[in-house]
């Protein structure tokens, strides 16, 4: 196995690892208002997230950006919480002549901005793998490609599940969005409340 292939596998395993499900939760949050029939919108949205985390993954891994990992571990669930919260206010277009969704001006820049934060989280893991390795171009490229492949598989699974539940099982789309977003919101809130930095900042650590 080449170096590129090895890091591609590591990137794929990292994004799909159930033990580090925070990134999976975020992808679920940004896709939860869509189904397979909305695949064009999802591509644009996921591309914005990809652009964001690719930028900071590269800059941080190369040493141009340095952020305390503890802050990143807190900010990532906050991005999930905000995205899930916004889903509760998503307006579903009705009828063949309904206007386009009313939130693209907000959802896409947020996906880009939150992607920057998630990229810093990816880079912490990648830097730990690289150590003092001199040439990091192939590892960086392979890892990023692996992340994208895993991310696309997660997106596809989410959209298929949504399609089956909404289109085949006839569950109202607003109900599906509310339920899924509520679950994601609760899990993100739990991650925040149990975050060591958050507990320190709020004084919860000294109370326990």
C-alpha atoms as a PDB file:
ATOM      1  CA  UNK A   1       0.000   0.000   0.000  1.00  0.00           C
ATOM      2  CA  UNK A   2       1.353   3.428  -0.978  1.00  0.00           C
ATOM      3  CA  UNK A   3       1.635   6.314   1.466  1.00  0.00           C
ATOM      4  CA  UNK A   4      -1.274   8.068  -0.280  1.00  0.00           C
ATOM      5  CA  UNK A   5      -3.485   4.973   0.016  1.00  0.00           C
ATOM      6  CA  UNK A   6      -2.557   4.497   3.663  1.00  0.00           C
ATOM      7  CA  UNK A   7      -3.586   8.019   4.619  1.00  0.00           C
ATOM      8  CA  UNK A   8      -6.677   7.811   2.422  1.00  0.00           C
ATOM      9  CA  UNK A   9      -7.721   4.793   4.490  1.00  0.00           C
ATOM     10  CA  UNK A  10      -6.939   6.668   7.717  1.00  0.00           C
ATOM     11  CA  UNK A  11      -9.025   9.648   6.598  1.00  0.00           C
ATOM     12  CA  UNK A  12     -11.931   7.409   5.648  1.00  0.00           C
ATOM     13  CA  UNK A  13     -11.754   5.544   8.959  1.00  0.00           C
ATOM     14  CA  UNK A  14     -11.575   8.793  10.926  1.00  0.00           C
ATOM     15  CA  UNK A  15     -14.727  10.358   9.436  1.00  0.00           C
ATOM     16  CA  UNK A  16     -16.713   7.104   9.683  1.00  0.00           C
ATOM     17  CA  UNK A  17     -15.491   6.068  13.143  1.00  0.00           C
ATOM     18  CA  UNK A  18     -18.490   5.763  15.465  1.00  0.00           C
ATOM     19  CA  UNK A  19     -16.260   6.584  18.452  1.00  0.00           C
ATOM     20  CA  UNK A  20     -15.706  10.073  17.030  1.00  0.00           C
ATOM     21  CA  UNK A  21     -19.280  10.619  15.970  1.00  0.00           C
ATOM     22  CA  UNK A  22     -19.259  14.413  16.301  1.00  0.00           C
ATOM     23  CA  UNK A  23     -18.381  14.943  12.636  1.00  0.00           C
ATOM     24  CA  UNK A  24     -21.045  12.417  11.609  1.00  0.00           C
ATOM     25  CA  UNK A  25     -23.588  14.326  13.701  1.00  0.00           C
ATOM     26  CA  UNK A  26     -22.742  17.554  11.909  1.00  0.00           C
ATOM     27  CA  UNK A  27     -23.146  15.971   8.476  1.00  0.00           C
ATOM     28  CA  UNK A  28     -26.489  14.567   9.627  1.00  0.00           C
ATOM     29  CA  UNK A  29     -27.524  18.008  10.865  1.00  0.00           C
ATOM     30  CA  UNK A  30     -26.800  19.808   7.597  1.00  0.00           C
ATOM     31  CA  UNK A  31     -28.496  17.075   5.525  1.00  0.00           C
ATOM     32  CA  UNK A  32     -31.523  16.383   7.723  1.00  0.00           C
ATOM     33  CA  UNK A  33     -33.846  18.784   5.878  1.00  0.00           C
ATOM     34  CA  UNK A  34     -33.215  17.074   2.521  1.00  0.00           C
ATOM     35  CA  UNK A  35     -33.902  13.760   0.781  1.00  0.00           C
ATOM     36  CA  UNK A  36     -32.530  12.164  -2.405  1.00  0.00           C
ATOM     37  CA  UNK A  37     -34.683  14.399  -4.602  1.00  0.00           C
ATOM     38  CA  UNK A  38     -32.772  17.398  -3.196  1.00  0.00           C
ATOM     39  CA  UNK A  39     -29.377  15.989  -4.139  1.00  0.00           C
ATOM     40  CA  UNK A  40     -28.300  19.117  -6.066  1.00  0.00           C
ATOM     41  CA  UNK A  41     -28.842  21.314  -3.014  1.00  0.00           C
ATOM     42  CA  UNK A  42     -26.984  18.815  -0.846  1.00  0.00           C
ATOM     43  CA  UNK A  43     -24.006  18.778  -3.210  1.00  0.00           C
ATOM     44  CA  UNK A  44     -23.672  22.562  -2.953  1.00  0.00           C
ATOM     45  CA  UNK A  45     -24.065  22.464   0.829  1.00  0.00           C
ATOM     46  CA  UNK A  46     -21.563  19.642   1.347  1.00  0.00           C
ATOM     47  CA  UNK A  47     -19.146  21.316  -1.079  1.00  0.00           C
ATOM     48  CA  UNK A  48     -19.235  24.433   1.108  1.00  0.00           C
ATOM     49  CA  UNK A  49     -18.449  22.327   4.184  1.00  0.00           C
ATOM     50  CA  UNK A  50     -15.709  20.504   2.268  1.00  0.00           C
ATOM     51  CA  UNK A  51     -14.122  23.772   1.148  1.00  0.00           C
ATOM     52  CA  UNK A  52     -14.071  25.029   4.713  1.00  0.00           C
ATOM     53  CA  UNK A  53     -12.510  22.006   6.355  1.00  0.00           C
ATOM     54  CA  UNK A  54     -10.044  21.496   3.475  1.00  0.00           C
ATOM     55  CA  UNK A  55      -8.652  25.013   3.986  1.00  0.00           C
ATOM     56  CA  UNK A  56      -8.007  24.729   7.710  1.00  0.00           C
ATOM     57  CA  UNK A  57      -6.939  21.094   7.464  1.00  0.00           C
ATOM     58  CA  UNK A  58      -4.155  22.141   5.091  1.00  0.00           C
ATOM     59  CA  UNK A  59      -3.186  25.371   6.906  1.00  0.00           C
ATOM     60  CA  UNK A  60      -3.129  23.785  10.347  1.00  0.00           C
ATOM     61  CA  UNK A  61      -1.321  20.626   9.251  1.00  0.00           C
ATOM     62  CA  UNK A  62       1.313  22.746   7.500  1.00  0.00           C
ATOM     63  CA  UNK A  63       1.759  24.808  10.655  1.00  0.00           C
ATOM     64  CA  UNK A  64       0.331  28.109   9.419  1.00  0.00           C
ATOM     65  CA  UNK A  65      -2.591  28.053  11.856  1.00  0.00           C
ATOM     66  CA  UNK A  66      -2.478  26.955  15.480  1.00  0.00           C
ATOM     67  CA  UNK A  67      -5.548  26.747  17.720  1.00  0.00           C
ATOM     68  CA  UNK A  68      -5.815  25.158  21.153  1.00  0.00           C
ATOM     69  CA  UNK A  69      -7.322  21.672  20.592  1.00  0.00           C
ATOM     70  CA  UNK A  70      -9.450  22.086  23.724  1.00  0.00           C
ATOM     71  CA  UNK A  71     -11.291  24.996  22.097  1.00  0.00           C
ATOM     72  CA  UNK A  72     -11.827  23.011  18.911  1.00  0.00           C
ATOM     73  CA  UNK A  73     -13.276  20.108  20.886  1.00  0.00           C
ATOM     74  CA  UNK A  74     -15.790  22.537  22.376  1.00  0.00           C
ATOM     75  CA  UNK A  75     -16.559  24.472  19.196  1.00  0.00           C
ATOM     76  CA  UNK A  76     -17.342  21.383  17.110  1.00  0.00           C
ATOM     77  CA  UNK A  77     -20.416  20.321  19.147  1.00  0.00           C
ATOM     78  CA  UNK A  78     -21.477  23.978  19.247  1.00  0.00           C
ATOM     79  CA  UNK A  79     -21.557  23.989  15.428  1.00  0.00           C
ATOM     80  CA  UNK A  80     -23.727  20.855  15.557  1.00  0.00           C
ATOM     81  CA  UNK A  81     -26.062  22.427  18.106  1.00  0.00           C
ATOM     82  CA  UNK A  82     -26.529  25.607  16.050  1.00  0.00           C
ATOM     83  CA  UNK A  83     -27.135  23.704  12.802  1.00  0.00           C
ATOM     84  CA  UNK A  84     -29.686  21.386  14.411  1.00  0.00           C
ATOM     85  CA  UNK A  85     -31.411  24.374  16.053  1.00  0.00           C
ATOM     86  CA  UNK A  86     -31.752  26.190  12.723  1.00  0.00           C
ATOM     87  CA  UNK A  87     -33.410  23.106  11.233  1.00  0.00           C
ATOM     88  CA  UNK A  88     -36.435  23.715  13.477  1.00  0.00           C
ATOM     89  CA  UNK A  89     -37.101  26.921  11.532  1.00  0.00           C
ATOM     90  CA  UNK A  90     -36.570  25.458   8.062  1.00  0.00           C
ATOM     91  CA  UNK A  91     -39.356  26.471   5.675  1.00  0.00           C
ATOM     92  CA  UNK A  92     -40.357  23.708   3.279  1.00  0.00           C
ATOM     93  CA  UNK A  93     -41.396  24.959  -0.195  1.00  0.00           C
ATOM     94  CA  UNK A  94     -44.954  23.864  -1.041  1.00  0.00           C
ATOM     95  CA  UNK A  95     -46.412  23.306  -4.490  1.00  0.00           C
ATOM     96  CA  UNK A  96     -44.757  23.190  -7.930  1.00  0.00           C
ATOM     97  CA  UNK A  97     -44.540  26.978  -8.124  1.00  0.00           C
ATOM     98  CA  UNK A  98     -43.381  27.571  -4.574  1.00  0.00           C
ATOM     99  CA  UNK A  99     -40.376  29.850  -4.126  1.00  0.00           C
ATOM    100  CA  UNK A 100     -36.993  28.332  -3.525  1.00  0.00           C
ATOM    101  CA  UNK A 101     -36.019  27.520   0.033  1.00  0.00           C
ATOM    102  CA  UNK A 102     -35.637  30.643   2.111  1.00  0.00           C
ATOM    103  CA  UNK A 103     -32.449  29.778   3.965  1.00  0.00           C
ATOM    104  CA  UNK A 104     -29.652  29.280   1.378  1.00  0.00           C
ATOM    105  CA  UNK A 105     -28.129  32.650   2.218  1.00  0.00           C
ATOM    106  CA  UNK A 106     -27.650  31.392   5.769  1.00  0.00           C
ATOM    107  CA  UNK A 107     -27.131  27.635   5.458  1.00  0.00           C
ATOM    108  CA  UNK A 108     -24.329  27.636   2.896  1.00  0.00           C
ATOM    109  CA  UNK A 109     -22.060  30.260   4.526  1.00  0.00           C
ATOM    110  CA  UNK A 110     -22.604  28.517   7.857  1.00  0.00           C
ATOM    111  CA  UNK A 111     -21.554  25.186   6.330  1.00  0.00           C
ATOM    112  CA  UNK A 112     -18.418  26.888   5.003  1.00  0.00           C
ATOM    113  CA  UNK A 113     -17.642  28.627   8.282  1.00  0.00           C
ATOM    114  CA  UNK A 114     -18.322  25.582  10.421  1.00  0.00           C
ATOM    115  CA  UNK A 115     -16.214  23.539   8.012  1.00  0.00           C
ATOM    116  CA  UNK A 116     -13.253  25.726   8.973  1.00  0.00           C
ATOM    117  CA  UNK A 117     -13.702  24.641  12.594  1.00  0.00           C
ATOM    118  CA  UNK A 118     -14.069  20.952  11.742  1.00  0.00           C
ATOM    119  CA  UNK A 119     -10.934  21.134   9.589  1.00  0.00           C
ATOM    120  CA  UNK A 120      -8.954  22.163  12.661  1.00  0.00           C
ATOM    121  CA  UNK A 121     -10.300  19.088  14.417  1.00  0.00           C
ATOM    122  CA  UNK A 122      -9.238  16.858  11.518  1.00  0.00           C
ATOM    123  CA  UNK A 123      -5.779  18.431  11.522  1.00  0.00           C
ATOM    124  CA  UNK A 124      -5.184  17.625  15.189  1.00  0.00           C
ATOM    125  CA  UNK A 125      -5.648  13.947  14.386  1.00  0.00           C
ATOM    126  CA  UNK A 126      -3.539  14.117  11.217  1.00  0.00           C
ATOM    127  CA  UNK A 127      -0.647  15.936  12.915  1.00  0.00           C
ATOM    128  CA  UNK A 128      -0.576  13.252  15.604  1.00  0.00           C
ATOM    129  CA  UNK A 129      -0.198  10.636  12.849  1.00  0.00           C
ATOM    130  CA  UNK A 130       2.451  12.527  10.899  1.00  0.00           C
ATOM    131  CA  UNK A 131       4.815  13.274  13.756  1.00  0.00           C
ATOM    132  CA  UNK A 132       7.984  14.812  12.318  1.00  0.00           C
ATOM    133  CA  UNK A 133       7.465  13.532   8.788  1.00  0.00           C
ATOM    134  CA  UNK A 134       9.157  15.888   6.306  1.00  0.00           C
ATOM    135  CA  UNK A 135       7.011  15.453   3.202  1.00  0.00           C
ATOM    136  CA  UNK A 136       3.361  15.850   4.145  1.00  0.00           C
ATOM    137  CA  UNK A 137       1.803  16.590   0.748  1.00  0.00           C
ATOM    138  CA  UNK A 138       0.819  12.997  -0.071  1.00  0.00           C
ATOM    139  CA  UNK A 139      -0.407  12.249   3.472  1.00  0.00           C
ATOM    140  CA  UNK A 140      -2.418  15.484   3.517  1.00  0.00           C
ATOM    141  CA  UNK A 141      -3.963  14.837   0.105  1.00  0.00           C
ATOM    142  CA  UNK A 142      -4.696  11.192   0.844  1.00  0.00           C
ATOM    143  CA  UNK A 143      -6.221  11.970   4.222  1.00  0.00           C
ATOM    144  CA  UNK A 144      -8.458  14.676   2.738  1.00  0.00           C
ATOM    145  CA  UNK A 145      -9.641  12.400  -0.086  1.00  0.00           C
ATOM    146  CA  UNK A 146     -10.406   9.709   2.475  1.00  0.00           C
ATOM    147  CA  UNK A 147     -12.441  12.185   4.498  1.00  0.00           C
ATOM    148  CA  UNK A 148     -14.459  13.122   1.418  1.00  0.00           C
ATOM    149  CA  UNK A 149     -15.175   9.534   0.416  1.00  0.00           C
ATOM    150  CA  UNK A 150     -16.397   8.727   3.906  1.00  0.00           C
ATOM    151  CA  UNK A 151     -18.401  11.934   4.038  1.00  0.00           C
ATOM    152  CA  UNK A 152     -20.145  11.187   0.736  1.00  0.00           C
ATOM    153  CA  UNK A 153     -21.108   7.709   1.932  1.00  0.00           C
ATOM    154  CA  UNK A 154     -22.582   9.171   5.131  1.00  0.00           C
ATOM    155  CA  UNK A 155     -24.526  11.768   3.123  1.00  0.00           C
ATOM    156  CA  UNK A 156     -25.872   9.103   0.756  1.00  0.00           C
ATOM    157  CA  UNK A 157     -27.030   6.900   3.652  1.00  0.00           C
ATOM    158  CA  UNK A 158     -28.779   9.836   5.357  1.00  0.00           C
ATOM    159  CA  UNK A 159     -30.565  10.874   2.153  1.00  0.00           C
ATOM    160  CA  UNK A 160     -31.672   7.310   1.403  1.00  0.00           C
ATOM    161  CA  UNK A 161     -33.074   6.884   4.921  1.00  0.00           C
ATOM    162  CA  UNK A 162     -34.888  10.222   4.626  1.00  0.00           C
ATOM    163  CA  UNK A 163     -36.288   9.239   1.230  1.00  0.00           C
ATOM    164  CA  UNK A 164     -37.606   5.916   2.544  1.00  0.00           C
ATOM    165  CA  UNK A 165     -39.183   7.484   5.630  1.00  0.00           C
ATOM    166  CA  UNK A 166     -40.698  10.513   3.891  1.00  0.00           C
ATOM    167  CA  UNK A 167     -41.510   9.298   0.384  1.00  0.00           C
ATOM    168  CA  UNK A 168     -42.240   5.600   0.959  1.00  0.00           C
ATOM    169  CA  UNK A 169     -43.428   5.431   4.571  1.00  0.00           C
ATOM    170  CA  UNK A 170     -45.280   8.742   4.134  1.00  0.00           C
ATOM    171  CA  UNK A 171     -44.007  10.309   7.342  1.00  0.00           C
ATOM    172  CA  UNK A 172     -44.571  14.088   7.070  1.00  0.00           C
ATOM    173  CA  UNK A 173     -41.327  15.821   6.212  1.00  0.00           C
ATOM    174  CA  UNK A 174     -41.700  18.450   8.984  1.00  0.00           C
ATOM    175  CA  UNK A 175     -42.085  15.642  11.530  1.00  0.00           C
ATOM    176  CA  UNK A 176     -38.966  13.869  10.244  1.00  0.00           C
ATOM    177  CA  UNK A 177     -36.938  17.092  10.388  1.00  0.00           C
ATOM    178  CA  UNK A 178     -38.142  17.906  13.902  1.00  0.00           C
ATOM    179  CA  UNK A 179     -37.454  14.407  15.258  1.00  0.00           C
ATOM    180  CA  UNK A 180     -34.015  13.966  13.681  1.00  0.00           C
ATOM    181  CA  UNK A 181     -32.914  17.511  14.502  1.00  0.00           C
ATOM    182  CA  UNK A 182     -34.157  17.087  18.064  1.00  0.00           C
ATOM    183  CA  UNK A 183     -32.079  13.942  18.524  1.00  0.00           C
ATOM    184  CA  UNK A 184     -29.000  15.626  17.060  1.00  0.00           C
ATOM    185  CA  UNK A 185     -29.579  18.736  19.200  1.00  0.00           C
ATOM    186  CA  UNK A 186     -29.785  16.629  22.348  1.00  0.00           C
ATOM    187  CA  UNK A 187     -26.623  14.681  21.542  1.00  0.00           C
ATOM    188  CA  UNK A 188     -24.710  17.888  20.734  1.00  0.00           C
ATOM    189  CA  UNK A 189     -25.889  19.475  23.975  1.00  0.00           C
ATOM    190  CA  UNK A 190     -24.672  16.422  25.879  1.00  0.00           C
ATOM    191  CA  UNK A 191     -21.244  16.716  24.226  1.00  0.00           C
ATOM    192  CA  UNK A 192     -21.052  20.381  25.229  1.00  0.00           C
ATOM    193  CA  UNK A 193     -22.139  19.822  28.837  1.00  0.00           C
ATOM    194  CA  UNK A 194     -19.599  17.018  29.238  1.00  0.00           C
ATOM    195  CA  UNK A 195     -16.762  18.936  27.580  1.00  0.00           C
ATOM    196  CA  UNK A 196     -13.928  19.562  30.055  1.00  0.00           C
ATOM    197  CA  UNK A 197     -13.270  23.104  28.842  1.00  0.00           C
ATOM    198  CA  UNK A 198     -16.950  24.011  29.047  1.00  0.00           C
ATOM    199  CA  UNK A 199     -17.170  22.623  32.566  1.00  0.00           C
ATOM    200  CA  UNK A 200     -14.107  24.593  33.569  1.00  0.00           C
ATOM    201  CA  UNK A 201     -15.375  27.831  32.037  1.00  0.00           C
ATOM    202  CA  UNK A 202     -18.787  27.497  33.661  1.00  0.00           C
ATOM    203  CA  UNK A 203     -17.508  26.278  37.028  1.00  0.00           C
ATOM    204  CA  UNK A 204     -19.222  22.912  36.643  1.00  0.00           C
ATOM    205  CA  UNK A 205     -15.947  21.063  37.078  1.00  0.00           C
ATOM    206  CA  UNK A 206     -15.498  22.344  40.620  1.00  0.00           C
ATOM    207  CA  UNK A 207     -19.109  21.531  41.508  1.00  0.00           C
ATOM    208  CA  UNK A 208     -18.885  17.876  40.555  1.00  0.00           C
END
